[in-house]
Amino acid sequence: MYGRNLRQLLVVWGTALLFLVGLYRLELRIPALHDILLPMYWLVFGTAVFFTWRWVRARGRGDRRGPDRRNEERRSDPPAGAES
């Protein structure tokens, strides 16, 4: 789930929502599971937020790597300014 397609974000949140609805329905049928299922709500929500953050980060236009490393001098080349 790493890319720039909006569909990926919709799939993440759609899946999370369906999973949360399933957990809620299970909790309605068996109320004794409330204490066990409560951390699952946070886990699903946290996972969706994490994938959303990755999606937003992938869409960022900022250069996170700095200058282009392909233009750096090679180790076998003499350093700039060095006299032969």
N, C-alpha and C. Protein backbone atom coordinates (compact mmCIF):
# COMPACT_ATOMS: atom_id res chain seq x y z
N MET A 1 0.83 -1.19 0.00
CA MET A 1 0.00 0.00 0.00
C MET A 1 0.87 1.25 0.00
N TYR A 2 1.75 1.35 -0.95
CA TYR A 2 2.63 2.51 -1.01
C TYR A 2 2.58 3.07 -2.41
N GLY A 3 1.98 4.20 -2.57
CA GLY A 3 1.88 4.77 -3.90
C GLY A 3 1.10 6.06 -3.88
N ARG A 4 0.76 6.54 -5.08
CA ARG A 4 0.10 7.83 -5.21
C ARG A 4 -1.35 7.71 -5.68
N ASN A 5 -1.86 6.53 -5.78
CA ASN A 5 -3.20 6.34 -6.30
C ASN A 5 -4.23 6.54 -5.19
N LEU A 6 -5.25 7.35 -5.47
CA LEU A 6 -6.30 7.61 -4.48
C LEU A 6 -7.06 6.34 -4.13
N ARG A 7 -7.14 5.41 -5.06
CA ARG A 7 -7.85 4.16 -4.83
C ARG A 7 -7.24 3.39 -3.65
N GLN A 8 -5.93 3.47 -3.48
CA GLN A 8 -5.27 2.78 -2.37
C GLN A 8 -5.76 3.32 -1.04
N LEU A 9 -5.90 4.63 -0.94
CA LEU A 9 -6.38 5.23 0.29
C LEU A 9 -7.83 4.84 0.57
N LEU A 10 -8.64 4.81 -0.46
CA LEU A 10 -10.04 4.41 -0.30
C LEU A 10 -10.16 2.95 0.11
N VAL A 11 -9.30 2.10 -0.43
CA VAL A 11 -9.32 0.68 -0.05
C VAL A 11 -8.94 0.52 1.41
N VAL A 12 -7.94 1.25 1.86
CA VAL A 12 -7.51 1.16 3.26
C VAL A 12 -8.65 1.55 4.19
N TRP A 13 -9.27 2.71 3.95
CA TRP A 13 -10.32 3.17 4.84
C TRP A 13 -11.60 2.35 4.68
N GLY A 14 -11.89 1.87 3.48
CA GLY A 14 -13.05 1.01 3.29
C GLY A 14 -12.91 -0.30 4.03
N THR A 15 -11.73 -0.90 3.93
CA THR A 15 -11.47 -2.16 4.63
C THR A 15 -11.52 -1.95 6.14
N ALA A 16 -10.92 -0.87 6.61
CA ALA A 16 -10.94 -0.58 8.04
C ALA A 16 -12.37 -0.38 8.53
N LEU A 17 -13.17 0.34 7.75
CA LEU A 17 -14.55 0.57 8.14
C LEU A 17 -15.35 -0.73 8.19
N LEU A 18 -15.18 -1.57 7.19
CA LEU A 18 -15.88 -2.86 7.19
C LEU A 18 -15.45 -3.73 8.37
N PHE A 19 -14.17 -3.72 8.67
CA PHE A 19 -13.67 -4.50 9.80
C PHE A 19 -14.23 -3.96 11.12
N LEU A 20 -14.29 -2.63 11.25
CA LEU A 20 -14.83 -2.04 12.47
C LEU A 20 -16.32 -2.33 12.62
N VAL A 21 -17.05 -2.32 11.52
CA VAL A 21 -18.48 -2.67 11.57
C VAL A 21 -18.64 -4.13 12.01
N GLY A 22 -17.79 -5.01 11.48
CA GLY A 22 -17.84 -6.41 11.90
C GLY A 22 -17.55 -6.59 13.38
N LEU A 23 -16.55 -5.86 13.88
CA LEU A 23 -16.25 -5.92 15.31
C LEU A 23 -17.41 -5.40 16.15
N TYR A 24 -18.03 -4.32 15.68
CA TYR A 24 -19.16 -3.75 16.42
C TYR A 24 -20.34 -4.72 16.46
N ARG A 25 -20.61 -5.36 15.33
CA ARG A 25 -21.71 -6.34 15.30
C ARG A 25 -21.41 -7.53 16.21
N LEU A 26 -20.15 -7.95 16.25
CA LEU A 26 -19.77 -9.04 17.15
C LEU A 26 -19.95 -8.62 18.59
N GLU A 27 -19.61 -7.37 18.88
CA GLU A 27 -19.77 -6.87 20.25
C GLU A 27 -21.24 -6.76 20.64
N LEU A 28 -22.11 -6.44 19.69
CA LEU A 28 -23.54 -6.38 19.99
C LEU A 28 -24.10 -7.77 20.29
N ARG A 29 -23.60 -8.78 19.59
CA ARG A 29 -24.07 -10.14 19.83
C ARG A 29 -23.52 -10.73 21.12
N ILE A 30 -22.27 -10.41 21.44
CA ILE A 30 -21.62 -10.96 22.63
C ILE A 30 -21.03 -9.79 23.42
N PRO A 31 -21.82 -9.15 24.27
CA PRO A 31 -21.34 -7.97 24.99
C PRO A 31 -20.16 -8.26 25.93
N ALA A 32 -19.97 -9.49 26.32
CA ALA A 32 -18.88 -9.82 27.23
C ALA A 32 -17.51 -9.63 26.58
N LEU A 33 -17.47 -9.54 25.26
CA LEU A 33 -16.20 -9.37 24.55
C LEU A 33 -15.75 -7.91 24.46
N HIS A 34 -16.50 -7.00 25.07
CA HIS A 34 -16.19 -5.58 24.94
C HIS A 34 -14.75 -5.27 25.36
N ASP A 35 -14.33 -5.79 26.49
CA ASP A 35 -12.97 -5.48 26.98
C ASP A 35 -11.89 -6.08 26.09
N ILE A 36 -12.20 -7.16 25.42
CA ILE A 36 -11.23 -7.78 24.53
C ILE A 36 -11.19 -7.07 23.18
N LEU A 37 -12.33 -6.62 22.71
CA LEU A 37 -12.41 -5.99 21.39
C LEU A 37 -12.02 -4.52 21.39
N LEU A 38 -12.03 -3.87 22.53
CA LEU A 38 -11.69 -2.44 22.58
C LEU A 38 -10.31 -2.14 22.02
N PRO A 39 -9.26 -2.90 22.36
CA PRO A 39 -7.96 -2.62 21.74
C PRO A 39 -7.95 -2.89 20.23
N MET A 40 -8.82 -3.77 19.76
CA MET A 40 -8.88 -4.05 18.33
C MET A 40 -9.37 -2.83 17.55
N TYR A 41 -10.31 -2.07 18.14
CA TYR A 41 -10.75 -0.83 17.49
C TYR A 41 -9.56 0.11 17.29
N TRP A 42 -8.76 0.28 18.33
CA TRP A 42 -7.60 1.18 18.26
C TRP A 42 -6.56 0.65 17.27
N LEU A 43 -6.39 -0.66 17.24
CA LEU A 43 -5.42 -1.25 16.32
C LEU A 43 -5.83 -1.02 14.86
N VAL A 44 -7.08 -1.22 14.55
CA VAL A 44 -7.57 -1.01 13.18
C VAL A 44 -7.47 0.47 12.80
N PHE A 45 -7.89 1.34 13.71
CA PHE A 45 -7.81 2.78 13.45
C PHE A 45 -6.36 3.23 13.29
N GLY A 46 -5.47 2.74 14.13
CA GLY A 46 -4.06 3.09 14.04
C GLY A 46 -3.43 2.62 12.75
N THR A 47 -3.79 1.43 12.30
CA THR A 47 -3.27 0.90 11.03
C THR A 47 -3.74 1.76 9.86
N ALA A 48 -5.00 2.15 9.88
CA ALA A 48 -5.53 3.00 8.80
C ALA A 48 -4.84 4.36 8.80
N VAL A 49 -4.59 4.91 9.97
CA VAL A 49 -3.90 6.21 10.05
C VAL A 49 -2.46 6.06 9.55
N PHE A 50 -1.79 4.95 9.90
CA PHE A 50 -0.42 4.72 9.46
C PHE A 50 -0.34 4.65 7.94
N PHE A 51 -1.25 3.89 7.31
CA PHE A 51 -1.23 3.79 5.85
C PHE A 51 -1.62 5.12 5.19
N THR A 52 -2.49 5.89 5.85
CA THR A 52 -2.82 7.22 5.33
C THR A 52 -1.59 8.12 5.38
N TRP A 53 -0.84 8.07 6.46
CA TRP A 53 0.38 8.86 6.58
C TRP A 53 1.38 8.47 5.50
N ARG A 54 1.53 7.18 5.23
CA ARG A 54 2.44 6.74 4.16
C ARG A 54 1.97 7.24 2.81
N TRP A 55 0.65 7.25 2.59
CA TRP A 55 0.11 7.71 1.33
C TRP A 55 0.37 9.21 1.16
N VAL A 56 0.15 9.97 2.21
CA VAL A 56 0.39 11.42 2.15
C VAL A 56 1.87 11.69 1.95
N ARG A 57 2.72 10.95 2.62
CA ARG A 57 4.17 11.14 2.49
C ARG A 57 4.64 10.82 1.08
N ALA A 58 4.06 9.79 0.47
CA ALA A 58 4.43 9.42 -0.90
C ALA A 58 4.01 10.51 -1.89
N ARG A 59 2.97 11.24 -1.55
CA ARG A 59 2.47 12.29 -2.44
C ARG A 59 3.21 13.60 -2.25
N GLY A 60 4.03 13.71 -1.22
CA GLY A 60 4.73 14.96 -0.96
C GLY A 60 5.67 15.31 -2.10
N ARG A 61 5.75 16.58 -2.43
CA ARG A 61 6.59 17.03 -3.53
C ARG A 61 7.99 17.40 -3.07
N GLY A 62 8.18 17.46 -1.77
CA GLY A 62 9.49 17.84 -1.25
C GLY A 62 10.55 16.79 -1.56
N ASP A 63 11.77 17.26 -1.74
CA ASP A 63 12.88 16.35 -2.01
C ASP A 63 13.44 15.88 -0.68
N ARG A 64 13.18 14.65 -0.32
CA ARG A 64 13.61 14.14 0.98
C ARG A 64 15.02 13.58 0.94
N ARG A 65 15.59 13.41 -0.24
CA ARG A 65 16.90 12.79 -0.33
C ARG A 65 18.03 13.79 -0.54
N GLY A 66 17.70 15.01 -0.72
CA GLY A 66 18.74 16.00 -0.95
C GLY A 66 19.15 16.01 -2.40
N PRO A 67 20.39 16.43 -2.67
CA PRO A 67 20.84 16.51 -4.06
C PRO A 67 20.91 15.12 -4.72
N ASP A 68 20.86 15.12 -6.01
CA ASP A 68 20.90 13.88 -6.78
C ASP A 68 22.25 13.21 -6.60
N ARG A 69 22.23 11.97 -6.13
CA ARG A 69 23.48 11.28 -5.84
C ARG A 69 24.20 10.81 -7.10
N ARG A 70 23.48 10.77 -8.22
CA ARG A 70 24.13 10.33 -9.46
C ARG A 70 25.15 11.34 -9.96
N ASN A 71 24.99 12.58 -9.55
CA ASN A 71 25.90 13.63 -10.01
C ASN A 71 27.12 13.78 -9.10
N GLU A 72 27.17 13.01 -8.02
CA GLU A 72 28.32 13.11 -7.14
C GLU A 72 29.54 12.50 -7.82
N GLU A 73 30.67 12.96 -7.39
CA GLU A 73 31.91 12.45 -7.97
C GLU A 73 32.12 11.01 -7.53
N ARG A 74 32.75 10.26 -8.38
CA ARG A 74 33.08 8.87 -8.09
C ARG A 74 34.32 8.80 -7.21
N ARG A 75 34.44 7.72 -6.47
CA ARG A 75 35.61 7.57 -5.60
C ARG A 75 36.90 7.45 -6.39
N SER A 76 36.83 6.88 -7.59
CA SER A 76 38.04 6.71 -8.39
C SER A 76 38.49 8.03 -9.02
N ASP A 77 37.58 8.98 -9.14
CA ASP A 77 37.92 10.29 -9.69
C ASP A 77 38.67 11.10 -8.64
N PRO A 78 39.61 11.92 -9.05
CA PRO A 78 40.28 12.78 -8.08
C PRO A 78 39.29 13.81 -7.55
N PRO A 79 39.41 14.21 -6.32
CA PRO A 79 38.49 15.20 -5.76
C PRO A 79 38.61 16.53 -6.48
N ALA A 80 37.53 17.28 -6.47
CA ALA A 80 37.54 18.58 -7.15
C ALA A 80 38.54 19.50 -6.47
N GLY A 81 39.32 20.20 -7.27
CA GLY A 81 40.28 21.13 -6.73
C GLY A 81 41.64 20.49 -6.45
N ALA A 82 41.72 19.18 -6.57
CA ALA A 82 43.00 18.51 -6.31
C ALA A 82 43.86 18.62 -7.57
N GLU A 83 45.11 18.90 -7.38
CA GLU A 83 46.01 19.04 -8.52
C GLU A 83 46.70 17.72 -8.81
N SER A 84 46.88 17.42 -10.09
CA SER A 84 47.51 16.15 -10.49
C SER A 84 49.00 16.30 -10.61
